[in-house]
Amino acid sequence: TAPLLPADKPRYLMGVGTPLDIVRGIDAGVDMFDCVLPTRNARNG
C-alpha cells in the first residue's frame, strides 16, 4: 500500500508500533507512526 500513496505527501501508518514494525514501515516508505505500546508496556513493566 505505501508505494501507492502520493510520494510528495506524508504517509502515516496508524496504530502500528513495535520497534521492528516501525523500522519495517520506514523501509516501506512510511513517514509517521503512533502506538500506545511504549506507555502501556511501561505501565506493565
PDB file of all heavy atoms in Angstrom:
ATOM      1  N   THR A   1       0.802  -1.218   0.000  1.00  0.00           N
ATOM      2  CA  THR A   1       0.000   0.000   0.000  1.00  0.00           C
ATOM      3  C   THR A   1       0.836   1.269   0.000  1.00  0.00           C
ATOM      4  O   THR A   1       0.520   2.226  -0.729  1.00  0.00           O
ATOM      5  CB  THR A   1      -0.941   0.010   1.217  1.00  0.00           C
ATOM      6  OG1 THR A   1      -1.731  -1.185   1.225  1.00  0.00           O
ATOM      7  CG2 THR A   1      -1.865   1.224   1.186  1.00  0.00           C
ATOM      8  N   ALA A   2       1.891   1.321   0.813  1.00  0.00           N
ATOM      9  CA  ALA A   2       2.645   2.572   0.985  1.00  0.00           C
ATOM     10  C   ALA A   2       3.115   3.179  -0.338  1.00  0.00           C
ATOM     11  O   ALA A   2       2.943   4.384  -0.562  1.00  0.00           O
ATOM     12  CB  ALA A   2       3.814   2.355   1.938  1.00  0.00           C
ATOM     13  N   PRO A   3       3.686   2.380  -1.265  1.00  0.00           N
ATOM     14  CA  PRO A   3       4.161   2.984  -2.516  1.00  0.00           C
ATOM     15  C   PRO A   3       3.050   3.515  -3.416  1.00  0.00           C
ATOM     16  O   PRO A   3       3.329   4.270  -4.363  1.00  0.00           O
ATOM     17  CB  PRO A   3       4.900   1.831  -3.211  1.00  0.00           C
ATOM     18  CG  PRO A   3       5.156   0.820  -2.151  1.00  0.00           C
ATOM     19  CD  PRO A   3       4.027   0.956  -1.191  1.00  0.00           C
ATOM     20  N   LEU A   4       1.798   3.136  -3.140  1.00  0.00           N
ATOM     21  CA  LEU A   4       0.682   3.605  -3.955  1.00  0.00           C
ATOM     22  C   LEU A   4       0.247   5.020  -3.582  1.00  0.00           C
ATOM     23  O   LEU A   4      -0.496   5.658  -4.325  1.00  0.00           O
ATOM     24  CB  LEU A   4      -0.515   2.654  -3.795  1.00  0.00           C
ATOM     25  CG  LEU A   4      -0.266   1.191  -4.165  1.00  0.00           C
ATOM     26  CD1 LEU A   4      -1.499   0.358  -3.841  1.00  0.00           C
ATOM     27  CD2 LEU A   4       0.092   1.059  -5.640  1.00  0.00           C
ATOM     28  N   LEU A   5       0.704   5.513  -2.436  1.00  0.00           N
ATOM     29  CA  LEU A   5       0.303   6.835  -1.963  1.00  0.00           C
ATOM     30  C   LEU A   5       1.196   7.912  -2.581  1.00  0.00           C
ATOM     31  O   LEU A   5       2.349   7.642  -2.924  1.00  0.00           O
ATOM     32  CB  LEU A   5       0.385   6.883  -0.437  1.00  0.00           C
ATOM     33  CG  LEU A   5      -0.534   5.880   0.269  1.00  0.00           C
ATOM     34  CD1 LEU A   5      -0.280   5.889   1.767  1.00  0.00           C
ATOM     35  CD2 LEU A   5      -1.990   6.201  -0.030  1.00  0.00           C
ATOM     36  N   PRO A   6       0.681   9.130  -2.741  1.00  0.00           N
ATOM     37  CA  PRO A   6       1.475  10.192  -3.372  1.00  0.00           C
ATOM     38  C   PRO A   6       2.843  10.348  -2.706  1.00  0.00           C
ATOM     39  O   PRO A   6       2.943  10.467  -1.480  1.00  0.00           O
ATOM     40  CB  PRO A   6       0.603  11.432  -3.159  1.00  0.00           C
ATOM     41  CG  PRO A   6      -0.795  10.898  -3.110  1.00  0.00           C
ATOM     42  CD  PRO A   6      -0.678   9.580  -2.398  1.00  0.00           C
ATOM     43  N   ALA A   7       3.873  10.364  -3.520  1.00  0.00           N
ATOM     44  CA  ALA A   7       5.242  10.402  -2.994  1.00  0.00           C
ATOM     45  C   ALA A   7       5.592  11.739  -2.381  1.00  0.00           C
ATOM     46  O   ALA A   7       6.515  11.824  -1.553  1.00  0.00           O
ATOM     47  CB  ALA A   7       6.230  10.071  -4.119  1.00  0.00           C
ATOM     48  N   ASP A   8       4.873  12.785  -2.740  1.00  0.00           N
ATOM     49  CA  ASP A   8       5.203  14.119  -2.240  1.00  0.00           C
ATOM     50  C   ASP A   8       4.391  14.518  -1.009  1.00  0.00           C
ATOM     51  O   ASP A   8       4.425  15.666  -0.577  1.00  0.00           O
ATOM     52  CB  ASP A   8       5.003  15.163  -3.339  1.00  0.00           C
ATOM     53  CG  ASP A   8       3.558  15.217  -3.835  1.00  0.00           C
ATOM     54  OD1 ASP A   8       2.796  14.266  -3.577  1.00  0.00           O
ATOM     55  OD2 ASP A   8       3.210  16.219  -4.484  1.00  0.00           O
ATOM     56  N   LYS A   9       3.655  13.557  -0.426  1.00  0.00           N
ATOM     57  CA  LYS A   9       2.853  13.825   0.771  1.00  0.00           C
ATOM     58  C   LYS A   9       3.282  12.870   1.883  1.00  0.00           C
ATOM     59  O   LYS A   9       3.737  11.746   1.618  1.00  0.00           O
ATOM     60  CB  LYS A   9       1.359  13.594   0.476  1.00  0.00           C
ATOM     61  CG  LYS A   9       0.810  14.425  -0.683  1.00  0.00           C
ATOM     62  CD  LYS A   9       0.681  15.870  -0.320  1.00  0.00           C
ATOM     63  CE  LYS A   9       0.090  16.676  -1.474  1.00  0.00           C
ATOM     64  NZ  LYS A   9      -1.313  16.308  -1.764  1.00  0.00           N
ATOM     65  N   PRO A  10       3.126  13.284   3.150  1.00  0.00           N
ATOM     66  CA  PRO A  10       3.478  12.385   4.250  1.00  0.00           C
ATOM     67  C   PRO A  10       2.561  11.173   4.308  1.00  0.00           C
ATOM     68  O   PRO A  10       1.368  11.264   4.008  1.00  0.00           O
ATOM     69  CB  PRO A  10       3.333  13.262   5.497  1.00  0.00           C
ATOM     70  CG  PRO A  10       2.461  14.393   5.082  1.00  0.00           C
ATOM     71  CD  PRO A  10       2.701  14.606   3.625  1.00  0.00           C
ATOM     72  N   ARG A  11       3.143  10.051   4.699  1.00  0.00           N
ATOM     73  CA  ARG A  11       2.422   8.781   4.826  1.00  0.00           C
ATOM     74  C   ARG A  11       2.448   8.346   6.284  1.00  0.00           C
ATOM     75  O   ARG A  11       3.503   8.298   6.907  1.00  0.00           O
ATOM     76  CB  ARG A  11       3.074   7.705   3.966  1.00  0.00           C
ATOM     77  CG  ARG A  11       3.136   8.038   2.473  1.00  0.00           C
ATOM     78  CD  ARG A  11       4.154   7.158   1.788  1.00  0.00           C
ATOM     79  NE  ARG A  11       4.195   7.339   0.343  1.00  0.00           N
ATOM     80  CZ  ARG A  11       5.181   6.901  -0.428  1.00  0.00           C
ATOM     81  NH1 ARG A  11       6.207   6.247   0.116  1.00  0.00           N
ATOM     82  NH2 ARG A  11       5.154   7.113  -1.726  1.00  0.00           N
ATOM     83  N   TYR A  12       1.300   7.995   6.806  1.00  0.00           N
ATOM     84  CA  TYR A  12       1.125   7.728   8.244  1.00  0.00           C
ATOM     85  C   TYR A  12       0.533   6.335   8.428  1.00  0.00           C
ATOM     86  O   TYR A  12      -0.545   6.036   7.915  1.00  0.00           O
ATOM     87  CB  TYR A  12       0.227   8.828   8.809  1.00  0.00           C
ATOM     88  CG  TYR A  12      -0.394   8.610  10.156  1.00  0.00           C
ATOM     89  CD1 TYR A  12       0.205   7.852  11.156  1.00  0.00           C
ATOM     90  CD2 TYR A  12      -1.616   9.236  10.458  1.00  0.00           C
ATOM     91  CE1 TYR A  12      -0.391   7.693  12.393  1.00  0.00           C
ATOM     92  CE2 TYR A  12      -2.226   9.085  11.689  1.00  0.00           C
ATOM     93  CZ  TYR A  12      -1.607   8.309  12.658  1.00  0.00           C
ATOM     94  OH  TYR A  12      -2.205   8.149  13.885  1.00  0.00           O
ATOM     95  N   LEU A  13       1.235   5.482   9.155  1.00  0.00           N
ATOM     96  CA  LEU A  13       0.745   4.146   9.483  1.00  0.00           C
ATOM     97  C   LEU A  13       0.109   4.200  10.860  1.00  0.00           C
ATOM     98  O   LEU A  13       0.793   4.414  11.864  1.00  0.00           O
ATOM     99  CB  LEU A  13       1.892   3.134   9.452  1.00  0.00           C
ATOM    100  CG  LEU A  13       1.538   1.696   9.831  1.00  0.00           C
ATOM    101  CD1 LEU A  13       0.462   1.128   8.913  1.00  0.00           C
ATOM    102  CD2 LEU A  13       2.784   0.819   9.806  1.00  0.00           C
ATOM    103  N   MET A  14      -1.195   3.970  10.916  1.00  0.00           N
ATOM    104  CA  MET A  14      -1.950   4.214  12.140  1.00  0.00           C
ATOM    105  C   MET A  14      -1.895   3.035  13.106  1.00  0.00           C
ATOM    106  O   MET A  14      -2.226   1.906  12.749  1.00  0.00           O
ATOM    107  CB  MET A  14      -3.412   4.521  11.797  1.00  0.00           C
ATOM    108  CG  MET A  14      -3.598   5.690  10.846  1.00  0.00           C
ATOM    109  SD  MET A  14      -5.338   6.081  10.528  1.00  0.00           S
ATOM    110  CE  MET A  14      -5.766   6.914  12.061  1.00  0.00           C
ATOM    111  N   GLY A  15      -1.461   3.319  14.328  1.00  0.00           N
ATOM    112  CA  GLY A  15      -1.594   2.373  15.424  1.00  0.00           C
ATOM    113  C   GLY A  15      -0.725   1.145  15.343  1.00  0.00           C
ATOM    114  O   GLY A  15      -0.991   0.156  16.028  1.00  0.00           O
ATOM    115  N   VAL A  16       0.327   1.179  14.536  1.00  0.00           N
ATOM    116  CA  VAL A  16       1.227   0.025  14.400  1.00  0.00           C
ATOM    117  C   VAL A  16       2.565   0.437  14.949  1.00  0.00           C
ATOM    118  O   VAL A  16       3.109   1.457  14.558  1.00  0.00           O
ATOM    119  CB  VAL A  16       1.362  -0.421  12.936  1.00  0.00           C
ATOM    120  CG1 VAL A  16       2.372  -1.554  12.807  1.00  0.00           C
ATOM    121  CG2 VAL A  16      -0.001  -0.855  12.403  1.00  0.00           C
ATOM    122  N   GLY A  17       3.104  -0.351  15.716  1.00  0.00           N
ATOM    123  CA  GLY A  17       4.004   0.012  16.630  1.00  0.00           C
ATOM    124  C   GLY A  17       5.004  -0.681  17.410  1.00  0.00           C
ATOM    125  O   GLY A  17       5.446  -0.030  18.320  1.00  0.00           O
ATOM    126  N   THR A  18       5.486  -1.884  17.153  1.00  0.00           N
ATOM    127  CA  THR A  18       6.703  -2.340  17.831  1.00  0.00           C
ATOM    128  C   THR A  18       7.898  -1.657  17.165  1.00  0.00           C
ATOM    129  O   THR A  18       7.784  -1.160  16.035  1.00  0.00           O
ATOM    130  CB  THR A  18       6.880  -3.860  17.721  1.00  0.00           C
ATOM    131  OG1 THR A  18       7.168  -4.198  16.359  1.00  0.00           O
ATOM    132  CG2 THR A  18       5.637  -4.617  18.191  1.00  0.00           C
ATOM    133  N   PRO A  19       9.047  -1.618  17.827  1.00  0.00           N
ATOM    134  CA  PRO A  19      10.219  -1.031  17.157  1.00  0.00           C
ATOM    135  C   PRO A  19      10.512  -1.665  15.798  1.00  0.00           C
ATOM    136  O   PRO A  19      10.830  -0.956  14.839  1.00  0.00           O
ATOM    137  CB  PRO A  19      11.347  -1.288  18.167  1.00  0.00           C
ATOM    138  CG  PRO A  19      10.653  -1.288  19.499  1.00  0.00           C
ATOM    139  CD  PRO A  19       9.338  -1.954  19.238  1.00  0.00           C
ATOM    140  N   LEU A  20      10.383  -2.982  15.699  1.00  0.00           N
ATOM    141  CA  LEU A  20      10.640  -3.645  14.423  1.00  0.00           C
ATOM    142  C   LEU A  20       9.585  -3.273  13.390  1.00  0.00           C
ATOM    143  O   LEU A  20       9.906  -3.055  12.208  1.00  0.00           O
ATOM    144  CB  LEU A  20      10.693  -5.154  14.623  1.00  0.00           C
ATOM    145  CG  LEU A  20      11.019  -5.990  13.373  1.00  0.00           C
ATOM    146  CD1 LEU A  20      12.317  -5.537  12.725  1.00  0.00           C
ATOM    147  CD2 LEU A  20      11.088  -7.480  13.747  1.00  0.00           C
ATOM    148  N   ASP A  21       8.305  -3.176  13.810  1.00  0.00           N
ATOM    149  CA  ASP A  21       7.252  -2.740  12.890  1.00  0.00           C
ATOM    150  C   ASP A  21       7.565  -1.354  12.332  1.00  0.00           C
ATOM    151  O   ASP A  21       7.377  -1.082  11.142  1.00  0.00           O
ATOM    152  CB  ASP A  21       5.897  -2.685  13.602  1.00  0.00           C
ATOM    153  CG  ASP A  21       5.338  -4.050  13.933  1.00  0.00           C
ATOM    154  OD1 ASP A  21       5.740  -5.033  13.292  1.00  0.00           O
ATOM    155  OD2 ASP A  21       4.482  -4.128  14.848  1.00  0.00           O
ATOM    156  N   ILE A  22       8.028  -0.467  13.197  1.00  0.00           N
ATOM    157  CA  ILE A  22       8.321   0.898  12.777  1.00  0.00           C
ATOM    158  C   ILE A  22       9.452   0.908  11.758  1.00  0.00           C
ATOM    159  O   ILE A  22       9.366   1.555  10.701  1.00  0.00           O
ATOM    160  CB  ILE A  22       8.665   1.771  13.998  1.00  0.00           C
ATOM    161  CG1 ILE A  22       7.407   1.992  14.850  1.00  0.00           C
ATOM    162  CG2 ILE A  22       9.266   3.110  13.573  1.00  0.00           C
ATOM    163  CD1 ILE A  22       7.681   2.633  16.194  1.00  0.00           C
ATOM    164  N   VAL A  23      10.519   0.180  12.047  1.00  0.00           N
ATOM    165  CA  VAL A  23      11.662   0.151  11.124  1.00  0.00           C
ATOM    166  C   VAL A  23      11.254  -0.456   9.793  1.00  0.00           C
ATOM    167  O   VAL A  23      11.640   0.037   8.720  1.00  0.00           O
ATOM    168  CB  VAL A  23      12.838  -0.607  11.763  1.00  0.00           C
ATOM    169  CG1 VAL A  23      13.948  -0.849  10.754  1.00  0.00           C
ATOM    170  CG2 VAL A  23      13.377   0.188  12.953  1.00  0.00           C
ATOM    171  N   ARG A  24      10.456  -1.516   9.822  1.00  0.00           N
ATOM    172  CA  ARG A  24       9.989  -2.107   8.562  1.00  0.00           C
ATOM    173  C   ARG A  24       9.027  -1.175   7.840  1.00  0.00           C
ATOM    174  O   ARG A  24       8.997  -1.143   6.604  1.00  0.00           O
ATOM    175  CB  ARG A  24       9.341  -3.462   8.843  1.00  0.00           C
ATOM    176  CG  ARG A  24      10.377  -4.549   9.124  1.00  0.00           C
ATOM    177  CD  ARG A  24       9.746  -5.850   9.537  1.00  0.00           C
ATOM    178  NE  ARG A  24      10.702  -6.952   9.486  1.00  0.00           N
ATOM    179  CZ  ARG A  24      10.525  -8.129  10.070  1.00  0.00           C
ATOM    180  NH1 ARG A  24       9.410  -8.370  10.757  1.00  0.00           N
ATOM    181  NH2 ARG A  24      11.440  -9.079   9.987  1.00  0.00           N
ATOM    182  N   GLY A  25       8.243  -0.405   8.588  1.00  0.00           N
ATOM    183  CA  GLY A  25       7.373   0.574   7.963  1.00  0.00           C
ATOM    184  C   GLY A  25       8.167   1.663   7.260  1.00  0.00           C
ATOM    185  O   GLY A  25       7.831   2.080   6.147  1.00  0.00           O
ATOM    186  N   ILE A  26       9.227   2.123   7.903  1.00  0.00           N
ATOM    187  CA  ILE A  26      10.105   3.113   7.268  1.00  0.00           C
ATOM    188  C   ILE A  26      10.717   2.529   6.003  1.00  0.00           C
ATOM    189  O   ILE A  26      10.831   3.207   4.971  1.00  0.00           O
ATOM    190  CB  ILE A  26      11.194   3.569   8.260  1.00  0.00           C
ATOM    191  CG1 ILE A  26      10.562   4.298   9.447  1.00  0.00           C
ATOM    192  CG2 ILE A  26      12.216   4.472   7.569  1.00  0.00           C
ATOM    193  CD1 ILE A  26      11.511   4.539  10.602  1.00  0.00           C
ATOM    194  N   ASP A  27      11.089   1.261   6.066  1.00  0.00           N
ATOM    195  CA  ASP A  27      11.659   0.584   4.903  1.00  0.00           C
ATOM    196  C   ASP A  27      10.672   0.549   3.735  1.00  0.00           C
ATOM    197  O   ASP A  27      11.075   0.522   2.566  1.00  0.00           O
ATOM    198  CB  ASP A  27      12.064  -0.837   5.303  1.00  0.00           C
ATOM    199  CG  ASP A  27      12.939  -1.520   4.264  1.00  0.00           C
ATOM    200  OD1 ASP A  27      13.879  -0.876   3.764  1.00  0.00           O
ATOM    201  OD2 ASP A  27      12.688  -2.697   3.962  1.00  0.00           O
ATOM    202  N   ALA A  28       9.366   0.575   4.048  1.00  0.00           N
ATOM    203  CA  ALA A  28       8.330   0.561   3.014  1.00  0.00           C
ATOM    204  C   ALA A  28       7.978   1.960   2.517  1.00  0.00           C
ATOM    205  O   ALA A  28       7.193   2.092   1.571  1.00  0.00           O
ATOM    206  CB  ALA A  28       7.070  -0.121   3.549  1.00  0.00           C
ATOM    207  N   GLY A  29       8.536   2.993   3.169  1.00  0.00           N
ATOM    208  CA  GLY A  29       8.277   4.351   2.728  1.00  0.00           C
ATOM    209  C   GLY A  29       7.314   5.140   3.593  1.00  0.00           C
ATOM    210  O   GLY A  29       6.819   6.191   3.177  1.00  0.00           O
ATOM    211  N   VAL A  30       7.048   4.672   4.824  1.00  0.00           N
ATOM    212  CA  VAL A  30       6.146   5.368   5.747  1.00  0.00           C
ATOM    213  C   VAL A  30       6.935   6.423   6.527  1.00  0.00           C
ATOM    214  O   VAL A  30       8.102   6.227   6.857  1.00  0.00           O
ATOM    215  CB  VAL A  30       5.460   4.366   6.698  1.00  0.00           C
ATOM    216  CG1 VAL A  30       4.618   5.086   7.743  1.00  0.00           C
ATOM    217  CG2 VAL A  30       4.592   3.391   5.896  1.00  0.00           C
ATOM    218  N   ASP A  31       6.246   7.532   6.842  1.00  0.00           N
ATOM    219  CA  ASP A  31       6.891   8.665   7.495  1.00  0.00           C
ATOM    220  C   ASP A  31       6.466   8.877   8.949  1.00  0.00           C
ATOM    221  O   ASP A  31       7.214   9.477   9.724  1.00  0.00           O
ATOM    222  CB  ASP A  31       6.563   9.954   6.731  1.00  0.00           C
ATOM    223  CG  ASP A  31       6.884   9.844   5.258  1.00  0.00           C
ATOM    224  OD1 ASP A  31       8.071   9.685   4.936  1.00  0.00           O
ATOM    225  OD2 ASP A  31       5.942   9.895   4.433  1.00  0.00           O
ATOM    226  N   MET A  32       5.263   8.437   9.322  1.00  0.00           N
ATOM    227  CA  MET A  32       4.717   8.775  10.632  1.00  0.00           C
ATOM    228  C   MET A  32       4.100   7.537  11.271  1.00  0.00           C
ATOM    229  O   MET A  32       3.456   6.736  10.590  1.00  0.00           O
ATOM    230  CB  MET A  32       3.648   9.870  10.490  1.00  0.00           C
ATOM    231  CG  MET A  32       4.155  11.128   9.803  1.00  0.00           C
ATOM    232  SD  MET A  32       2.836  12.292   9.358  1.00  0.00           S
ATOM    233  CE  MET A  32       2.302  12.820  10.977  1.00  0.00           C
ATOM    234  N   PHE A  33       4.294   7.424  12.597  1.00  0.00           N
ATOM    235  CA  PHE A  33       3.832   6.252  13.338  1.00  0.00           C
ATOM    236  C   PHE A  33       3.281   6.689  14.690  1.00  0.00           C
ATOM    237  O   PHE A  33       3.753   7.666  15.283  1.00  0.00           O
ATOM    238  CB  PHE A  33       4.983   5.272  13.587  1.00  0.00           C
ATOM    239  CG  PHE A  33       5.672   4.809  12.342  1.00  0.00           C
ATOM    240  CD1 PHE A  33       6.690   5.567  11.777  1.00  0.00           C
ATOM    241  CD2 PHE A  33       5.316   3.617  11.733  1.00  0.00           C
ATOM    242  CE1 PHE A  33       7.335   5.150  10.625  1.00  0.00           C
ATOM    243  CE2 PHE A  33       5.954   3.191  10.578  1.00  0.00           C
ATOM    244  CZ  PHE A  33       6.965   3.964  10.017  1.00  0.00           C
ATOM    245  N   ASP A  34       2.315   5.932  15.203  1.00  0.00           N
ATOM    246  CA  ASP A  34       1.855   6.110  16.579  1.00  0.00           C
ATOM    247  C   ASP A  34       1.482   4.755  17.137  1.00  0.00           C
ATOM    248  O   ASP A  34       1.134   3.828  16.390  1.00  0.00           O
ATOM    249  CB  ASP A  34       0.645   7.041  16.648  1.00  0.00           C
ATOM    250  CG  ASP A  34      -0.645   6.305  16.301  1.00  0.00           C
ATOM    251  OD1 ASP A  34      -0.898   6.068  15.100  1.00  0.00           O
ATOM    252  OD2 ASP A  34      -1.389   5.935  17.233  1.00  0.00           O
ATOM    253  N   CYS A  35       1.554   4.626  18.439  1.00  0.00           N
ATOM    254  CA  CYS A  35       1.107   3.397  19.099  1.00  0.00           C
ATOM    255  C   CYS A  35       1.097   3.630  20.602  1.00  0.00           C
ATOM    256  O   CYS A  35       1.936   4.375  21.126  1.00  0.00           O
ATOM    257  CB  CYS A  35       2.036   2.229  18.752  1.00  0.00           C
ATOM    258  SG  CYS A  35       1.363   0.616  19.231  1.00  0.00           S
ATOM    259  N   VAL A  36       0.159   2.985  21.305  1.00  0.00           N
ATOM    260  CA  VAL A  36       0.130   3.067  22.766  1.00  0.00           C
ATOM    261  C   VAL A  36       1.154   2.133  23.400  1.00  0.00           C
ATOM    262  O   VAL A  36       1.345   2.156  24.622  1.00  0.00           O
ATOM    263  CB  VAL A  36      -1.272   2.726  23.311  1.00  0.00           C
ATOM    264  CG1 VAL A  36      -2.307   3.718  22.804  1.00  0.00           C
ATOM    265  CG2 VAL A  36      -1.673   1.288  22.957  1.00  0.00           C
ATOM    266  N   LEU A  37       1.810   1.318  22.589  1.00  0.00           N
ATOM    267  CA  LEU A  37       2.672   0.250  23.112  1.00  0.00           C
ATOM    268  C   LEU A  37       3.741   0.740  24.099  1.00  0.00           C
ATOM    269  O   LEU A  37       3.890   0.145  25.178  1.00  0.00           O
ATOM    270  CB  LEU A  37       3.329  -0.491  21.949  1.00  0.00           C
ATOM    271  CG  LEU A  37       3.957  -1.844  22.264  1.00  0.00           C
ATOM    272  CD1 LEU A  37       2.896  -2.848  22.669  1.00  0.00           C
ATOM    273  CD2 LEU A  37       4.724  -2.359  21.045  1.00  0.00           C
ATOM    274  N   PRO A  38       4.526   1.780  23.806  1.00  0.00           N
ATOM    275  CA  PRO A  38       5.593   2.134  24.740  1.00  0.00           C
ATOM    276  C   PRO A  38       5.086   2.539  26.121  1.00  0.00           C
ATOM    277  O   PRO A  38       5.678   2.151  27.135  1.00  0.00           O
ATOM    278  CB  PRO A  38       6.320   3.295  24.044  1.00  0.00           C
ATOM    279  CG  PRO A  38       5.393   3.778  22.989  1.00  0.00           C
ATOM    280  CD  PRO A  38       4.564   2.605  22.585  1.00  0.00           C
ATOM    281  N   THR A  39       3.993   3.303  26.194  1.00  0.00           N
ATOM    282  CA  THR A  39       3.496   3.701  27.507  1.00  0.00           C
ATOM    283  C   THR A  39       2.690   2.592  28.176  1.00  0.00           C
ATOM    284  O   THR A  39       2.774   2.402  29.394  1.00  0.00           O
ATOM    285  CB  THR A  39       2.654   4.981  27.396  1.00  0.00           C
ATOM    286  OG1 THR A  39       1.729   4.855  26.303  1.00  0.00           O
ATOM    287  CG2 THR A  39       3.543   6.186  27.144  1.00  0.00           C
ATOM    288  N   ARG A  40       1.917   1.843  27.406  1.00  0.00           N
ATOM    289  CA  ARG A  40       1.162   0.731  28.001  1.00  0.00           C
ATOM    290  C   ARG A  40       2.113  -0.319  28.562  1.00  0.00           C
ATOM    291  O   ARG A  40       1.945  -0.800  29.691  1.00  0.00           O
ATOM    292  CB  ARG A  40       0.230   0.112  26.960  1.00  0.00           C
ATOM    293  CG  ARG A  40      -0.533  -1.106  27.471  1.00  0.00           C
ATOM    294  CD  ARG A  40      -1.438  -1.658  26.395  1.00  0.00           C
ATOM    295  NE  ARG A  40      -2.555  -0.758  26.131  1.00  0.00           N
ATOM    296  CZ  ARG A  40      -3.386  -0.874  25.097  1.00  0.00           C
ATOM    297  NH1 ARG A  40      -3.212  -1.858  24.222  1.00  0.00           N
ATOM    298  NH2 ARG A  40      -4.383  -0.028  24.932  1.00  0.00           N
ATOM    299  N   ASN A  41       3.126  -0.698  27.773  1.00  0.00           N
ATOM    300  CA  ASN A  41       4.074  -1.686  28.260  1.00  0.00           C
ATOM    301  C   ASN A  41       4.885  -1.155  29.436  1.00  0.00           C
ATOM    302  O   ASN A  41       5.256  -1.917  30.335  1.00  0.00           O
ATOM    303  CB  ASN A  41       5.009  -2.130  27.133  1.00  0.00           C
ATOM    304  CG  ASN A  41       4.375  -3.189  26.242  1.00  0.00           C
ATOM    305  OD1 ASN A  41       3.212  -3.545  26.425  1.00  0.00           O
ATOM    306  ND2 ASN A  41       5.118  -3.685  25.279  1.00  0.00           N
ATOM    307  N   ALA A  42       5.174   0.150  29.426  1.00  0.00           N
ATOM    308  CA  ALA A  42       5.888   0.736  30.560  1.00  0.00           C
ATOM    309  C   ALA A  42       5.100   0.531  31.847  1.00  0.00           C
ATOM    310  O   ALA A  42       5.670   0.208  32.898  1.00  0.00           O
ATOM    311  CB  ALA A  42       6.129   2.223  30.312  1.00  0.00           C
ATOM    312  N   ARG A  43       3.796   0.718  31.778  1.00  0.00           N
ATOM    313  CA  ARG A  43       2.966   0.542  32.975  1.00  0.00           C
ATOM    314  C   ARG A  43       2.841  -0.914  33.370  1.00  0.00           C
ATOM    315  O   ARG A  43       2.464  -1.228  34.498  1.00  0.00           O
ATOM    316  CB  ARG A  43       1.572   1.146  32.741  1.00  0.00           C
ATOM    317  CG  ARG A  43       1.617   2.637  32.475  1.00  0.00           C
ATOM    318  CD  ARG A  43       0.230   3.269  32.526  1.00  0.00           C
ATOM    319  NE  ARG A  43      -0.719   2.673  31.609  1.00  0.00           N
ATOM    320  CZ  ARG A  43      -0.852   3.009  30.337  1.00  0.00           C
ATOM    321  NH1 ARG A  43      -0.047   3.922  29.800  1.00  0.00           N
ATOM    322  NH2 ARG A  43      -1.771   2.437  29.576  1.00  0.00           N
ATOM    323  N   ASN A  44       3.155  -1.824  32.435  1.00  0.00           N
ATOM    324  CA  ASN A  44       3.139  -3.261  32.741  1.00  0.00           C
ATOM    325  C   ASN A  44       4.527  -3.808  33.071  1.00  0.00           C
ATOM    326  O   ASN A  44       4.685  -5.014  33.280  1.00  0.00           O
ATOM    327  CB  ASN A  44       2.562  -4.041  31.558  1.00  0.00           C
ATOM    328  CG  ASN A  44       1.086  -3.750  31.346  1.00  0.00           C
ATOM    329  OD1 ASN A  44       0.363  -3.476  32.294  1.00  0.00           O
ATOM    330  ND2 ASN A  44       0.633  -3.784  30.105  1.00  0.00           N
ATOM    331  N   GLY A  45       5.538  -2.929  33.079  1.00  0.00           N
ATOM    332  CA  GLY A  45       6.885  -3.350  33.457  1.00  0.00           C
ATOM    333  C   GLY A  45       7.734  -3.891  32.333  1.00  0.00           C
ATOM    334  O   GLY A  45       8.827  -4.413  32.579  1.00  0.00           O
TER     335      GLY A  45
END
